[in-house]
Amino acid sequence: MVYMVQAMIDINEKANQVLNIIKAKYNLKDKSEAINIMAKKYEENCLEPELRPEYVERLNKLEKEKGIPFRNMAELRKIIEG
């Protein structure tokens, strides 16, 4: 279930223009939806990866994987090209 929070915000004219562009680009019904899109894009592109749950999940999977030991690049190349 998704809970919605209402907020009254003050934005400058430039931010308002950006919201209108996003609203038009994605064919949204209101600026609230545009703000949600902006928040999602910000989360995907700007937040530190360690803050995202999927990053922690991926790290846990990687920690369980076993690697192939090698002593130097020549030995690794031999294993790969084997």
C-alpha atoms as a PDB file:
ATOM      1  CA  MET A   1       0.000   0.000   0.000  1.00  0.00           C
ATOM      2  CA  VAL A   2       1.327   3.435  -0.924  1.00  0.00           C
ATOM      3  CA  TYR A   3       0.673   6.256   1.500  1.00  0.00           C
ATOM      4  CA  MET A   4       0.413   9.777   0.155  1.00  0.00           C
ATOM      5  CA  VAL A   5       1.640  12.788   2.094  1.00  0.00           C
ATOM      6  CA  GLN A   6       0.317  16.253   1.398  1.00  0.00           C
ATOM      7  CA  ALA A   7       2.675  19.214   1.516  1.00  0.00           C
ATOM      8  CA  MET A   8       2.397  22.874   0.667  1.00  0.00           C
ATOM      9  CA  ILE A   9       5.612  24.042  -0.947  1.00  0.00           C
ATOM     10  CA  ASP A  10       6.992  27.309  -2.277  1.00  0.00           C
ATOM     11  CA  ILE A  11       9.038  26.997  -5.456  1.00  0.00           C
ATOM     12  CA  ASN A  12      10.669  29.581  -7.664  1.00  0.00           C
ATOM     13  CA  GLU A  13       9.617  30.265 -11.252  1.00  0.00           C
ATOM     14  CA  LYS A  14      12.402  28.146 -12.757  1.00  0.00           C
ATOM     15  CA  ALA A  15      11.426  25.108 -10.660  1.00  0.00           C
ATOM     16  CA  ASN A  16       7.809  25.657 -11.701  1.00  0.00           C
ATOM     17  CA  GLN A  17       8.852  25.664 -15.371  1.00  0.00           C
ATOM     18  CA  VAL A  18      10.799  22.431 -14.889  1.00  0.00           C
ATOM     19  CA  LEU A  19       7.772  20.789 -13.250  1.00  0.00           C
ATOM     20  CA  ASN A  20       5.584  21.918 -16.157  1.00  0.00           C
ATOM     21  CA  ILE A  21       8.051  20.423 -18.656  1.00  0.00           C
ATOM     22  CA  ILE A  22       8.129  17.099 -16.787  1.00  0.00           C
ATOM     23  CA  LYS A  23       4.344  17.150 -16.524  1.00  0.00           C
ATOM     24  CA  ALA A  24       4.024  17.640 -20.291  1.00  0.00           C
ATOM     25  CA  LYS A  25       6.789  15.171 -21.214  1.00  0.00           C
ATOM     26  CA  TYR A  26       5.271  12.306 -19.230  1.00  0.00           C
ATOM     27  CA  ASN A  27       1.635  13.341 -19.841  1.00  0.00           C
ATOM     28  CA  LEU A  28       0.965  13.702 -16.116  1.00  0.00           C
ATOM     29  CA  LYS A  29      -2.239  15.063 -14.626  1.00  0.00           C
ATOM     30  CA  ASP A  30      -0.642  17.309 -11.995  1.00  0.00           C
ATOM     31  CA  LYS A  31       2.606  18.672 -10.588  1.00  0.00           C
ATOM     32  CA  SER A  32       2.518  16.204  -7.709  1.00  0.00           C
ATOM     33  CA  GLU A  33       3.172  13.422 -10.193  1.00  0.00           C
ATOM     34  CA  ALA A  34       5.982  15.503 -11.711  1.00  0.00           C
ATOM     35  CA  ILE A  35       7.572  15.890  -8.266  1.00  0.00           C
ATOM     36  CA  ASN A  36       7.335  12.115  -7.761  1.00  0.00           C
ATOM     37  CA  ILE A  37       9.122  11.561 -11.096  1.00  0.00           C
ATOM     38  CA  MET A  38      11.832  14.044 -10.094  1.00  0.00           C
ATOM     39  CA  ALA A  39      12.306  12.324  -6.730  1.00  0.00           C
ATOM     40  CA  LYS A  40      12.583   8.904  -8.399  1.00  0.00           C
ATOM     41  CA  LYS A  41      15.139  10.174 -10.942  1.00  0.00           C
ATOM     42  CA  TYR A  42      17.126  11.865  -8.171  1.00  0.00           C
ATOM     43  CA  GLU A  43      17.126   8.655  -6.147  1.00  0.00           C
ATOM     44  CA  GLU A  44      18.340   6.634  -9.139  1.00  0.00           C
ATOM     45  CA  ASN A  45      21.038   9.061 -10.236  1.00  0.00           C
ATOM     46  CA  CYS A  46      22.227  11.044  -7.242  1.00  0.00           C
ATOM     47  CA  LEU A  47      21.818   9.143  -3.997  1.00  0.00           C
ATOM     48  CA  GLU A  48      24.810   7.201  -2.824  1.00  0.00           C
ATOM     49  CA  PRO A  49      24.436   3.573  -3.924  1.00  0.00           C
ATOM     50  CA  GLU A  50      24.875   2.315  -0.361  1.00  0.00           C
ATOM     51  CA  LEU A  51      21.638   4.082   0.558  1.00  0.00           C
ATOM     52  CA  ARG A  52      19.617   2.047  -1.904  1.00  0.00           C
ATOM     53  CA  PRO A  53      18.303  -1.344  -0.717  1.00  0.00           C
ATOM     54  CA  GLU A  54      19.039  -3.046  -4.050  1.00  0.00           C
ATOM     55  CA  TYR A  55      22.712  -2.093  -3.643  1.00  0.00           C
ATOM     56  CA  VAL A  56      22.910  -3.805  -0.244  1.00  0.00           C
ATOM     57  CA  GLU A  57      21.191  -6.878  -1.686  1.00  0.00           C
ATOM     58  CA  ARG A  58      23.668  -6.979  -4.579  1.00  0.00           C
ATOM     59  CA  LEU A  59      26.621  -6.670  -2.200  1.00  0.00           C
ATOM     60  CA  ASN A  60      25.316  -9.562  -0.119  1.00  0.00           C
ATOM     61  CA  LYS A  61      25.101 -11.743  -3.237  1.00  0.00           C
ATOM     62  CA  LEU A  62      28.614 -10.760  -4.330  1.00  0.00           C
ATOM     63  CA  GLU A  63      30.052 -11.596  -0.911  1.00  0.00           C
ATOM     64  CA  LYS A  64      28.725 -15.150  -1.232  1.00  0.00           C
ATOM     65  CA  GLU A  65      30.341 -15.719  -4.646  1.00  0.00           C
ATOM     66  CA  LYS A  66      33.643 -17.550  -4.920  1.00  0.00           C
ATOM     67  CA  GLY A  67      36.324 -16.193  -7.222  1.00  0.00           C
ATOM     68  CA  ILE A  68      38.984 -17.942  -9.268  1.00  0.00           C
ATOM     69  CA  PRO A  69      42.399 -17.530  -7.667  1.00  0.00           C
ATOM     70  CA  PHE A  70      45.302 -16.409  -9.852  1.00  0.00           C
ATOM     71  CA  ARG A  71      48.785 -15.106  -9.147  1.00  0.00           C
ATOM     72  CA  ASN A  72      49.281 -12.649 -11.988  1.00  0.00           C
ATOM     73  CA  MET A  73      47.706 -11.283 -15.158  1.00  0.00           C
ATOM     74  CA  ALA A  74      49.337 -13.919 -17.348  1.00  0.00           C
ATOM     75  CA  GLU A  75      47.790 -16.693 -15.288  1.00  0.00           C
ATOM     76  CA  LEU A  76      44.379 -14.969 -15.380  1.00  0.00           C
ATOM     77  CA  ARG A  77      44.618 -14.559 -19.162  1.00  0.00           C
ATOM     78  CA  LYS A  78      45.441 -18.271 -19.475  1.00  0.00           C
ATOM     79  CA  ILE A  79      42.366 -19.170 -17.392  1.00  0.00           C
ATOM     80  CA  ILE A  80      40.077 -16.870 -19.382  1.00  0.00           C
ATOM     81  CA  GLU A  81      41.349 -17.807 -22.824  1.00  0.00           C
ATOM     82  CA  GLY A  82      41.903 -21.442 -21.775  1.00  0.00           C
END
